[in-house]
Protein backbone atom coordinates (compact mmCIF):
# COMPACT_ATOMS: atom_id res chain seq x y z
CA MET A 1 61.34 -35.46 18.43
CA ILE A 2 63.78 -32.65 18.08
CA ARG A 3 62.20 -29.20 17.61
CA ALA A 4 65.06 -26.77 18.05
CA ALA A 5 68.79 -26.48 17.66
CA ILE A 6 71.41 -24.67 19.60
CA PHE A 7 75.07 -24.29 18.20
CA ASP A 8 78.26 -23.40 20.08
CA LEU A 9 80.40 -21.03 17.96
CA ASP A 10 84.05 -21.30 18.66
CA GLY A 11 85.36 -24.76 17.89
CA THR A 12 81.97 -25.82 16.50
CA LEU A 13 81.19 -23.50 13.67
CA LEU A 14 84.57 -21.88 13.40
CA ASP A 15 88.01 -23.32 14.27
CA THR A 16 88.67 -20.44 16.63
CA GLU A 17 88.67 -22.17 20.07
CA ILE A 18 92.47 -23.01 19.63
CA LEU A 19 93.04 -19.42 18.32
CA TRP A 20 91.76 -17.95 21.65
CA VAL A 21 94.13 -20.21 23.40
CA GLU A 22 97.05 -19.21 21.21
CA VAL A 23 96.56 -15.45 21.38
CA THR A 24 95.80 -15.54 25.07
CA TYR A 25 99.23 -17.55 25.60
CA GLN A 26 100.89 -14.89 23.40
CA TYR A 27 99.27 -11.94 25.22
CA LEU A 28 100.33 -13.37 28.63
CA GLN A 29 103.87 -13.90 27.47
CA GLU A 30 104.07 -10.33 26.22
CA CYS A 31 102.85 -9.09 29.61
CA GLY A 32 105.66 -10.93 31.30
CA CYS A 33 103.49 -13.54 33.01
CA ASN A 34 105.48 -16.54 31.80
CA PRO A 35 102.50 -18.83 31.49
CA ALA A 36 102.52 -22.64 30.84
CA TYR A 37 100.68 -23.43 27.58
CA ASP A 38 98.73 -26.16 29.27
CA ASP A 39 97.57 -23.76 32.05
CA VAL A 40 96.25 -21.41 29.38
CA LEU A 41 94.55 -24.33 27.59
CA HIS A 42 92.74 -25.24 30.69
CA ILE A 43 91.78 -21.55 31.41
CA VAL A 44 90.47 -20.85 27.88
CA TYR A 45 89.04 -23.99 26.33
CA GLY A 46 85.23 -24.25 26.50
CA ARG A 47 85.00 -21.22 28.91
CA SER A 48 83.11 -18.12 28.58
CA TRP A 49 85.03 -14.78 28.15
CA ARG A 50 83.99 -13.56 31.66
CA GLN A 51 85.38 -16.92 33.13
CA VAL A 52 88.60 -16.58 31.19
CA TYR A 53 89.13 -13.04 32.29
CA ASP A 54 88.44 -13.83 35.96
CA ARG A 55 90.86 -16.78 35.80
CA ILE A 56 93.58 -14.69 34.09
CA VAL A 57 93.20 -11.92 36.78
CA GLU A 58 93.37 -14.46 39.58
CA LYS A 59 96.32 -16.56 38.30
CA TYR A 60 98.37 -13.82 36.77
CA HIS A 61 97.46 -10.75 38.77
CA MET A 62 96.25 -8.76 35.88
CA GLY A 63 93.49 -6.90 37.70
CA HIS A 64 95.03 -3.56 36.49
CA VAL A 65 93.61 -4.49 33.11
CA SER A 66 89.88 -4.01 32.66
CA ILE A 67 87.87 -6.82 31.02
CA HIS A 68 86.96 -4.31 28.23
CA ALA A 69 90.60 -3.43 27.59
CA MET A 70 91.84 -7.06 27.54
CA ASP A 71 88.77 -7.91 25.33
CA GLU A 72 89.91 -5.36 22.86
CA ILE A 73 93.43 -6.41 22.69
CA LEU A 74 92.65 -10.17 22.26
CA LEU A 75 89.86 -9.47 19.68
CA GLY A 76 92.39 -7.47 17.60
CA MET A 77 94.89 -10.42 17.92
CA ILE A 78 92.22 -12.90 16.97
CA GLN A 79 91.40 -10.78 13.99
CA ALA A 80 94.91 -10.72 12.72
CA ARG A 81 95.23 -14.51 13.08
CA LYS A 82 92.03 -15.03 11.30
CA THR A 83 93.26 -13.30 8.14
CA GLN A 84 96.17 -15.81 7.96
CA GLN A 85 94.34 -19.06 8.81
CA ALA A 86 92.96 -21.32 6.05
CA GLY A 87 90.16 -23.65 6.87
CA LEU A 88 88.80 -21.39 9.69
CA VAL A 89 85.11 -22.14 8.66
CA LEU A 90 83.99 -25.65 9.63
CA GLU A 91 81.99 -26.34 6.48
CA GLY A 92 80.23 -29.44 7.69
CA SER A 93 79.01 -27.67 10.85
CA VAL A 94 77.73 -24.56 8.95
CA ALA A 95 76.01 -26.76 6.22
CA LEU A 96 74.14 -28.62 9.04
CA LEU A 97 73.15 -25.26 10.68
CA ARG A 98 71.65 -24.11 7.31
CA ASP A 99 69.92 -27.40 6.87
CA LEU A 100 68.31 -27.49 10.41
CA ALA A 101 67.23 -23.73 10.03
CA ASN A 102 64.96 -24.92 7.28
CA GLN A 103 63.25 -27.33 9.65
CA MET A 104 63.29 -25.58 13.16
CA PRO A 105 64.37 -22.58 15.02
CA VAL A 106 68.17 -22.31 15.41
CA CYS A 107 70.28 -20.14 17.62
CA ILE A 108 73.89 -19.67 18.72
CA VAL A 109 74.98 -19.77 22.40
CA SER A 110 78.59 -18.71 22.80
CA GLY A 111 81.08 -17.73 25.57
CA SER A 112 82.53 -15.07 23.20
CA PRO A 113 81.60 -11.44 23.45
CA ARG A 114 78.52 -10.40 21.18
CA ARG A 115 80.87 -8.38 18.84
CA ALA A 116 82.88 -11.54 18.08
CA ILE A 117 79.76 -13.45 17.51
CA GLU A 118 78.35 -10.77 15.10
CA GLU A 119 81.55 -10.87 13.11
CA ALA A 120 81.36 -14.54 12.92
CA ILE A 121 77.78 -14.48 11.79
CA THR A 122 78.58 -11.99 9.03
CA LEU A 123 81.55 -14.18 7.95
CA LEU A 124 79.53 -17.34 7.87
CA GLN A 125 76.56 -15.58 6.07
CA ILE A 126 73.95 -17.24 8.36
CA GLU A 127 72.12 -14.01 9.51
CA ASP A 128 68.80 -15.32 8.01
CA CYS A 129 69.22 -18.84 9.65
CA LEU A 130 69.23 -17.61 13.32
CA ALA A 131 66.34 -16.94 15.58
CA PHE A 132 68.86 -15.18 17.93
CA TYR A 133 72.32 -15.49 19.56
CA ILE A 134 73.43 -15.25 23.28
CA GLY A 135 76.92 -13.95 24.09
CA ALA A 136 79.03 -13.74 27.13
CA GLU A 137 77.59 -10.37 28.17
CA GLU A 138 74.24 -11.88 28.78
CA TYR A 139 75.05 -14.34 31.54
CA HIS A 140 77.48 -14.40 34.37
CA LEU A 141 77.95 -17.97 35.02
CA GLY A 142 79.66 -19.62 31.94
CA LYS A 143 79.67 -23.27 30.83
CA PRO A 144 79.71 -25.82 32.51
CA ASP A 145 76.98 -23.96 34.37
CA PRO A 146 73.87 -24.59 32.28
CA THR A 147 72.45 -21.13 32.67
CA CYS A 148 73.27 -19.93 29.08
CA PHE A 149 71.47 -23.00 27.49
CA GLN A 150 68.51 -22.66 29.81
CA MET A 151 68.07 -19.08 28.69
CA ALA A 152 68.26 -20.16 25.07
CA ILE A 153 65.74 -22.90 25.63
CA GLU A 154 63.27 -20.59 27.42
CA ARG A 155 63.56 -18.14 24.48
CA LEU A 156 63.05 -20.89 21.98
CA GLY A 157 59.82 -21.90 23.79
CA VAL A 158 60.55 -25.59 23.26
CA PRO A 159 60.95 -28.30 26.00
CA ALA A 160 64.61 -28.87 26.79
CA ALA A 161 64.40 -32.62 25.89
CA GLU A 162 63.23 -31.50 22.36
CA CYS A 163 66.38 -29.30 21.81
CA VAL A 164 69.74 -30.42 20.50
CA VAL A 165 72.93 -28.62 21.41
CA PHE A 166 75.99 -28.93 19.23
CA GLU A 167 79.23 -28.50 21.18
CA ASP A 168 82.86 -29.26 21.06
CA SER A 169 84.09 -28.92 24.68
CA ALA A 170 83.68 -30.85 27.89
CA ALA A 171 82.27 -27.78 29.66
CA GLY A 172 79.75 -27.22 26.79
CA VAL A 173 78.56 -30.84 26.85
CA GLN A 174 78.14 -30.66 30.58
CA ALA A 175 76.15 -27.50 30.39
CA ALA A 176 73.94 -28.78 27.61
CA LYS A 177 73.06 -32.11 29.46
CA ASP A 178 72.48 -30.24 32.73
CA ALA A 179 70.09 -27.98 31.05
CA GLY A 180 68.12 -31.19 29.99
CA ALA A 181 68.88 -30.98 26.22
CA ARG A 182 70.17 -33.62 23.83
CA CYS A 183 73.81 -33.03 22.83
CA VAL A 184 76.02 -33.88 19.84
CA ALA A 185 79.70 -33.40 20.38
CA LEU A 186 82.19 -32.47 17.66
CA ALA A 187 85.50 -34.25 18.43
CA ARG A 188 87.87 -33.23 15.63
CA PRO A 189 91.14 -35.02 15.19
CA GLY A 190 94.11 -32.88 15.93
CA ARG A 191 92.37 -30.75 18.58
CA PRO A 192 92.77 -30.88 22.44
CA ILE A 193 91.01 -34.03 23.73
CA GLN A 194 87.84 -33.24 25.68
CA ASP A 195 85.73 -35.42 27.83
CA VAL A 196 82.57 -35.52 25.93
CA SER A 197 81.29 -38.87 27.22
CA ARG A 198 78.04 -37.39 28.46
CA ALA A 199 77.04 -36.44 24.89
CA ASP A 200 74.28 -38.48 23.07
CA LEU A 201 76.44 -38.72 19.94
CA VAL A 202 80.15 -37.95 19.13
CA LEU A 203 81.12 -37.06 15.57
CA GLU A 204 84.34 -35.97 13.88
CA ASP A 205 82.40 -33.80 11.50
CA LEU A 206 78.90 -32.44 12.06
CA GLY A 207 78.32 -32.77 8.28
CA GLN A 208 77.79 -36.52 9.11
CA PHE A 209 74.81 -35.69 11.42
CA GLU A 210 71.22 -36.91 10.76
CA LEU A 211 68.37 -36.33 12.99
CA VAL A 212 67.45 -39.81 12.96
CA LYS A 213 70.61 -40.61 14.81
CA LEU A 214 69.15 -39.09 17.92
């Protein structure tokens, strides 16, 4: 029996995971770091903001820029891209979240800063659907470490095996499974291929999900 649902944000509810990769790549280019796109993809995809920042500092020697300053710059760039991008909202995923919220407690666990999560919740108009949300500031070890999901499961007060996590990245799936939860992976055509083989179910659109499938 599934009694609670946990959603990732970027790449799962909003098509913003790839935007984070693109703006980080652009930012590092503008800083004269000459990054390889594939390196930035590996640094960013499925990772928490703290992990992304630490990896950027280590690989590109950007320690002179504080995490807060870099956060502000990248969030501004993301915001500018959002206004130009059509199809940003993953409608099937949001419809599923709304449906499950009528049946059980639902929360968001994201590697993005809380400010970005708050803006996304407003954009998606799902404030009334969520029990709570957890952002990058609330845990140090990001996915694939299971800490963030363990925190959410504890707050939900439901056994891990009775929680389902909706994710889109290899790191997220690993974290969910290591936390003891069920996991449904969103593998959208045209997005970077992730190893989601540990997921209990893999779908191209979360609008196809039915609880009976678990």
